[in-house]
Amino acid sequence: MRKAATLAVLYVVGGMLLPSEQHVERSIVVNTDPAEVFSLVNDYREFNKWSPWATVAPG
């Protein structure tokens, strides 16, 4: 029981030491007409043409 309490305290204290905010940013340059890109991402039926997740096997 004492080990579990110690681990719980370490978990809480460790969480308090972590930064409260994170920022992740990615970008890519697409060499095509912005209207063409917008037409693809604006229509959900076109999702499988541009999404990297469309080719990932489920499970």
PDB file of N, CA and C in Angstrom:
ATOM      1  N   MET A   1       0.827  -1.197   0.000  1.00  0.00           N
ATOM      2  CA  MET A   1       0.000   0.000   0.000  1.00  0.00           C
ATOM      3  C   MET A   1       0.868   1.257   0.000  1.00  0.00           C
ATOM      4  N   ARG A   2       1.990   1.201   0.683  1.00  0.00           N
ATOM      5  CA  ARG A   2       2.879   2.362   0.775  1.00  0.00           C
ATOM      6  C   ARG A   2       3.512   2.663  -0.584  1.00  0.00           C
ATOM      7  N   LYS A   3       3.818   1.603  -1.355  1.00  0.00           N
ATOM      8  CA  LYS A   3       4.395   1.805  -2.684  1.00  0.00           C
ATOM      9  C   LYS A   3       3.404   2.502  -3.602  1.00  0.00           C
ATOM     10  N   ALA A   4       2.143   2.109  -3.515  1.00  0.00           N
ATOM     11  CA  ALA A   4       1.117   2.713  -4.364  1.00  0.00           C
ATOM     12  C   ALA A   4       0.947   4.197  -4.035  1.00  0.00           C
ATOM     13  N   ALA A   5       0.975   4.537  -2.757  1.00  0.00           N
ATOM     14  CA  ALA A   5       0.846   5.941  -2.352  1.00  0.00           C
ATOM     15  C   ALA A   5       2.044   6.751  -2.824  1.00  0.00           C
ATOM     16  N   THR A   6       3.227   6.171  -2.713  1.00  0.00           N
ATOM     17  CA  THR A   6       4.438   6.857  -3.165  1.00  0.00           C
ATOM     18  C   THR A   6       4.400   7.100  -4.667  1.00  0.00           C
ATOM     19  N   LEU A   7       3.973   6.080  -5.412  1.00  0.00           N
ATOM     20  CA  LEU A   7       3.865   6.243  -6.862  1.00  0.00           C
ATOM     21  C   LEU A   7       2.817   7.295  -7.228  1.00  0.00           C
ATOM     22  N   ALA A   8       1.712   7.331  -6.496  1.00  0.00           N
ATOM     23  CA  ALA A   8       0.677   8.323  -6.769  1.00  0.00           C
ATOM     24  C   ALA A   8       1.206   9.738  -6.521  1.00  0.00           C
ATOM     25  N   VAL A   9       1.943   9.911  -5.444  1.00  0.00           N
ATOM     26  CA  VAL A   9       2.505  11.229  -5.132  1.00  0.00           C
ATOM     27  C   VAL A   9       3.520  11.630  -6.193  1.00  0.00           C
ATOM     28  N   LEU A  10       4.376  10.705  -6.597  1.00  0.00           N
ATOM     29  CA  LEU A  10       5.357  11.014  -7.645  1.00  0.00           C
ATOM     30  C   LEU A  10       4.666  11.362  -8.963  1.00  0.00           C
ATOM     31  N   TYR A  11       3.589  10.684  -9.268  1.00  0.00           N
ATOM     32  CA  TYR A  11       2.832  10.959 -10.486  1.00  0.00           C
ATOM     33  C   TYR A  11       2.252  12.370 -10.455  1.00  0.00           C
ATOM     34  N   VAL A  12       1.659  12.738  -9.339  1.00  0.00           N
ATOM     35  CA  VAL A  12       1.053  14.075  -9.214  1.00  0.00           C
ATOM     36  C   VAL A  12       2.122  15.159  -9.245  1.00  0.00           C
ATOM     37  N   VAL A  13       3.206  14.970  -8.498  1.00  0.00           N
ATOM     38  CA  VAL A  13       4.285  15.971  -8.468  1.00  0.00           C
ATOM     39  C   VAL A  13       4.932  16.077  -9.845  1.00  0.00           C
ATOM     40  N   GLY A  14       5.147  14.948 -10.511  1.00  0.00           N
ATOM     41  CA  GLY A  14       5.711  14.968 -11.857  1.00  0.00           C
ATOM     42  C   GLY A  14       4.820  15.728 -12.820  1.00  0.00           C
ATOM     43  N   GLY A  15       3.516  15.542 -12.706  1.00  0.00           N
ATOM     44  CA  GLY A  15       2.578  16.274 -13.555  1.00  0.00           C
ATOM     45  C   GLY A  15       2.615  17.771 -13.313  1.00  0.00           C
ATOM     46  N   MET A  16       2.852  18.160 -12.070  1.00  0.00           N
ATOM     47  CA  MET A  16       2.927  19.587 -11.750  1.00  0.00           C
ATOM     48  C   MET A  16       4.197  20.228 -12.298  1.00  0.00           C
ATOM     49  N   LEU A  17       5.235  19.450 -12.508  1.00  0.00           N
ATOM     50  CA  LEU A  17       6.491  19.990 -13.016  1.00  0.00           C
ATOM     51  C   LEU A  17       6.505  20.145 -14.534  1.00  0.00           C
ATOM     52  N   LEU A  18       5.576  19.515 -15.211  1.00  0.00           N
ATOM     53  CA  LEU A  18       5.513  19.609 -16.668  1.00  0.00           C
ATOM     54  C   LEU A  18       4.964  20.968 -17.088  1.00  0.00           C
ATOM     55  N   PRO A  19       5.303  21.420 -18.289  1.00  0.00           N
ATOM     56  CA  PRO A  19       4.753  22.704 -18.757  1.00  0.00           C
ATOM     57  C   PRO A  19       3.234  22.613 -18.915  1.00  0.00           C
ATOM     58  N   SER A  20       2.557  23.717 -18.652  1.00  0.00           N
ATOM     59  CA  SER A  20       1.099  23.716 -18.717  1.00  0.00           C
ATOM     60  C   SER A  20       0.578  23.874 -20.146  1.00  0.00           C
ATOM     61  N   GLU A  21       1.415  24.325 -21.060  1.00  0.00           N
ATOM     62  CA  GLU A  21       0.996  24.508 -22.448  1.00  0.00           C
ATOM     63  C   GLU A  21       2.012  23.886 -23.387  1.00  0.00           C
ATOM     64  N   GLN A  22       1.511  23.458 -24.543  1.00  0.00           N
ATOM     65  CA  GLN A  22       2.378  22.933 -25.589  1.00  0.00           C
ATOM     66  C   GLN A  22       1.954  23.556 -26.912  1.00  0.00           C
ATOM     67  N   HIS A  23       2.906  23.663 -27.816  1.00  0.00           N
ATOM     68  CA  HIS A  23       2.611  24.207 -29.142  1.00  0.00           C
ATOM     69  C   HIS A  23       3.288  23.324 -30.175  1.00  0.00           C
ATOM     70  N   VAL A  24       2.476  22.802 -31.084  1.00  0.00           N
ATOM     71  CA  VAL A  24       2.993  21.975 -32.169  1.00  0.00           C
ATOM     72  C   VAL A  24       2.527  22.598 -33.470  1.00  0.00           C
ATOM     73  N   GLU A  25       3.443  22.755 -34.403  1.00  0.00           N
ATOM     74  CA  GLU A  25       3.092  23.377 -35.680  1.00  0.00           C
ATOM     75  C   GLU A  25       3.816  22.651 -36.801  1.00  0.00           C
ATOM     76  N   ARG A  26       3.072  22.384 -37.874  1.00  0.00           N
ATOM     77  CA  ARG A  26       3.669  21.776 -39.057  1.00  0.00           C
ATOM     78  C   ARG A  26       3.183  22.558 -40.269  1.00  0.00           C
ATOM     79  N   SER A  27       3.993  22.576 -41.297  1.00  0.00           N
ATOM     80  CA  SER A  27       3.588  23.262 -42.517  1.00  0.00           C
ATOM     81  C   SER A  27       4.131  22.511 -43.722  1.00  0.00           C
ATOM     82  N   ILE A  28       3.532  22.802 -44.855  1.00  0.00           N
ATOM     83  CA  ILE A  28       3.954  22.195 -46.114  1.00  0.00           C
ATOM     84  C   ILE A  28       3.666  23.202 -47.224  1.00  0.00           C
ATOM     85  N   VAL A  29       4.498  23.200 -48.236  1.00  0.00           N
ATOM     86  CA  VAL A  29       4.286  24.074 -49.386  1.00  0.00           C
ATOM     87  C   VAL A  29       3.633  23.237 -50.482  1.00  0.00           C
ATOM     88  N   VAL A  30       2.484  23.687 -50.952  1.00  0.00           N
ATOM     89  CA  VAL A  30       1.752  22.993 -52.008  1.00  0.00           C
ATOM     90  C   VAL A  30       1.823  23.865 -53.254  1.00  0.00           C
ATOM     91  N   ASN A  31       2.484  23.359 -54.273  1.00  0.00           N
ATOM     92  CA  ASN A  31       2.668  24.126 -55.504  1.00  0.00           C
ATOM     93  C   ASN A  31       1.512  23.900 -56.468  1.00  0.00           C
ATOM     94  N   THR A  32       0.379  24.475 -56.145  1.00  0.00           N
ATOM     95  CA  THR A  32      -0.789  24.408 -57.022  1.00  0.00           C
ATOM     96  C   THR A  32      -1.700  25.592 -56.722  1.00  0.00           C
ATOM     97  N   ASP A  33      -2.733  25.706 -57.503  1.00  0.00           N
ATOM     98  CA  ASP A  33      -3.684  26.802 -57.361  1.00  0.00           C
ATOM     99  C   ASP A  33      -4.453  26.667 -56.038  1.00  0.00           C
ATOM    100  N   PRO A  34      -4.523  27.726 -55.233  1.00  0.00           N
ATOM    101  CA  PRO A  34      -5.258  27.654 -53.964  1.00  0.00           C
ATOM    102  C   PRO A  34      -6.724  27.248 -54.135  1.00  0.00           C
ATOM    103  N   ALA A  35      -7.343  27.620 -55.220  1.00  0.00           N
ATOM    104  CA  ALA A  35      -8.742  27.247 -55.447  1.00  0.00           C
ATOM    105  C   ALA A  35      -8.886  25.730 -55.600  1.00  0.00           C
ATOM    106  N   GLU A  36      -7.896  25.094 -56.225  1.00  0.00           N
ATOM    107  CA  GLU A  36      -7.933  23.639 -56.385  1.00  0.00           C
ATOM    108  C   GLU A  36      -7.781  22.936 -55.030  1.00  0.00           C
ATOM    109  N   VAL A  37      -6.874  23.445 -54.209  1.00  0.00           N
ATOM    110  CA  VAL A  37      -6.692  22.871 -52.875  1.00  0.00           C
ATOM    111  C   VAL A  37      -7.965  23.052 -52.055  1.00  0.00           C
ATOM    112  N   PHE A  38      -8.533  24.235 -52.100  1.00  0.00           N
ATOM    113  CA  PHE A  38      -9.756  24.506 -51.340  1.00  0.00           C
ATOM    114  C   PHE A  38     -10.884  23.585 -51.769  1.00  0.00           C
ATOM    115  N   SER A  39     -11.022  23.337 -53.057  1.00  0.00           N
ATOM    116  CA  SER A  39     -12.108  22.474 -53.518  1.00  0.00           C
ATOM    117  C   SER A  39     -11.942  21.042 -53.006  1.00  0.00           C
ATOM    118  N   LEU A  40     -10.695  20.591 -52.830  1.00  0.00           N
ATOM    119  CA  LEU A  40     -10.465  19.246 -52.293  1.00  0.00           C
ATOM    120  C   LEU A  40     -10.763  19.159 -50.794  1.00  0.00           C
ATOM    121  N   VAL A  41     -10.242  20.095 -50.027  1.00  0.00           N
ATOM    122  CA  VAL A  41     -10.417  20.011 -48.577  1.00  0.00           C
ATOM    123  C   VAL A  41     -11.776  20.508 -48.118  1.00  0.00           C
ATOM    124  N   ASN A  42     -12.500  21.216 -48.949  1.00  0.00           N
ATOM    125  CA  ASN A  42     -13.805  21.733 -48.585  1.00  0.00           C
ATOM    126  C   ASN A  42     -14.913  20.693 -48.776  1.00  0.00           C
ATOM    127  N   ASP A  43     -14.686  19.681 -49.566  1.00  0.00           N
ATOM    128  CA  ASP A  43     -15.698  18.669 -49.870  1.00  0.00           C
ATOM    129  C   ASP A  43     -15.324  17.364 -49.168  1.00  0.00           C
ATOM    130  N   TYR A  44     -16.135  16.953 -48.203  1.00  0.00           N
ATOM    131  CA  TYR A  44     -15.818  15.750 -47.430  1.00  0.00           C
ATOM    132  C   TYR A  44     -15.748  14.501 -48.307  1.00  0.00           C
ATOM    133  N   ARG A  45     -16.444  14.488 -49.416  1.00  0.00           N
ATOM    134  CA  ARG A  45     -16.406  13.316 -50.309  1.00  0.00           C
ATOM    135  C   ARG A  45     -15.028  13.137 -50.947  1.00  0.00           C
ATOM    136  N   GLU A  46     -14.198  14.174 -50.948  1.00  0.00           N
ATOM    137  CA  GLU A  46     -12.848  14.115 -51.514  1.00  0.00           C
ATOM    138  C   GLU A  46     -11.798  13.737 -50.464  1.00  0.00           C
ATOM    139  N   PHE A  47     -12.229  13.417 -49.256  1.00  0.00           N
ATOM    140  CA  PHE A  47     -11.339  13.153 -48.133  1.00  0.00           C
ATOM    141  C   PHE A  47     -10.287  12.086 -48.447  1.00  0.00           C
ATOM    142  N   ASN A  48     -10.678  11.000 -49.068  1.00  0.00           N
ATOM    143  CA  ASN A  48      -9.753   9.899 -49.341  1.00  0.00           C
ATOM    144  C   ASN A  48      -8.687  10.253 -50.372  1.00  0.00           C
ATOM    145  N   LYS A  49      -8.870  11.304 -51.122  1.00  0.00           N
ATOM    146  CA  LYS A  49      -7.872  11.713 -52.112  1.00  0.00           C
ATOM    147  C   LYS A  49      -6.672  12.406 -51.484  1.00  0.00           C
ATOM    148  N   TRP A  50      -6.877  13.070 -50.349  1.00  0.00           N
ATOM    149  CA  TRP A  50      -5.782  13.850 -49.789  1.00  0.00           C
ATOM    150  C   TRP A  50      -5.376  13.449 -48.373  1.00  0.00           C
ATOM    151  N   SER A  51      -6.178  12.679 -47.677  1.00  0.00           N
ATOM    152  CA  SER A  51      -5.879  12.363 -46.285  1.00  0.00           C
ATOM    153  C   SER A  51      -4.850  11.238 -46.161  1.00  0.00           C
ATOM    154  N   PRO A  52      -3.804  11.434 -45.370  1.00  0.00           N
ATOM    155  CA  PRO A  52      -2.844  10.342 -45.147  1.00  0.00           C
ATOM    156  C   PRO A  52      -3.456   9.208 -44.334  1.00  0.00           C
ATOM    157  N   TRP A  53      -4.542   9.476 -43.605  1.00  0.00           N
ATOM    158  CA  TRP A  53      -5.182   8.464 -42.773  1.00  0.00           C
ATOM    159  C   TRP A  53      -6.071   7.530 -43.595  1.00  0.00           C
ATOM    160  N   ALA A  54      -6.363   7.887 -44.816  1.00  0.00           N
ATOM    161  CA  ALA A  54      -7.236   7.047 -45.646  1.00  0.00           C
ATOM    162  C   ALA A  54      -6.589   5.707 -45.995  1.00  0.00           C
ATOM    163  N   THR A  55      -5.257   5.651 -46.001  1.00  0.00           N
ATOM    164  CA  THR A  55      -4.561   4.425 -46.382  1.00  0.00           C
ATOM    165  C   THR A  55      -4.109   3.608 -45.168  1.00  0.00           C
ATOM    166  N   VAL A  56      -4.359   4.087 -43.956  1.00  0.00           N
ATOM    167  CA  VAL A  56      -3.957   3.368 -42.752  1.00  0.00           C
ATOM    168  C   VAL A  56      -4.963   2.256 -42.485  1.00  0.00           C
ATOM    169  N   ALA A  57      -4.457   1.063 -42.245  1.00  0.00           N
ATOM    170  CA  ALA A  57      -5.332  -0.070 -41.971  1.00  0.00           C
ATOM    171  C   ALA A  57      -5.990   0.095 -40.609  1.00  0.00           C
ATOM    172  N   PRO A  58      -7.280  -0.222 -40.494  1.00  0.00           N
ATOM    173  CA  PRO A  58      -7.956  -0.097 -39.196  1.00  0.00           C
ATOM    174  C   PRO A  58      -7.432  -1.124 -38.192  1.00  0.00           C
ATOM    175  N   GLY A  59      -7.453  -0.718 -36.931  1.00  0.00           N
ATOM    176  CA  GLY A  59      -7.077  -1.623 -35.850  1.00  0.00           C
ATOM    177  C   GLY A  59      -5.644  -1.648 -35.639  1.00  0.00           C
TER     178      GLY A  59
END
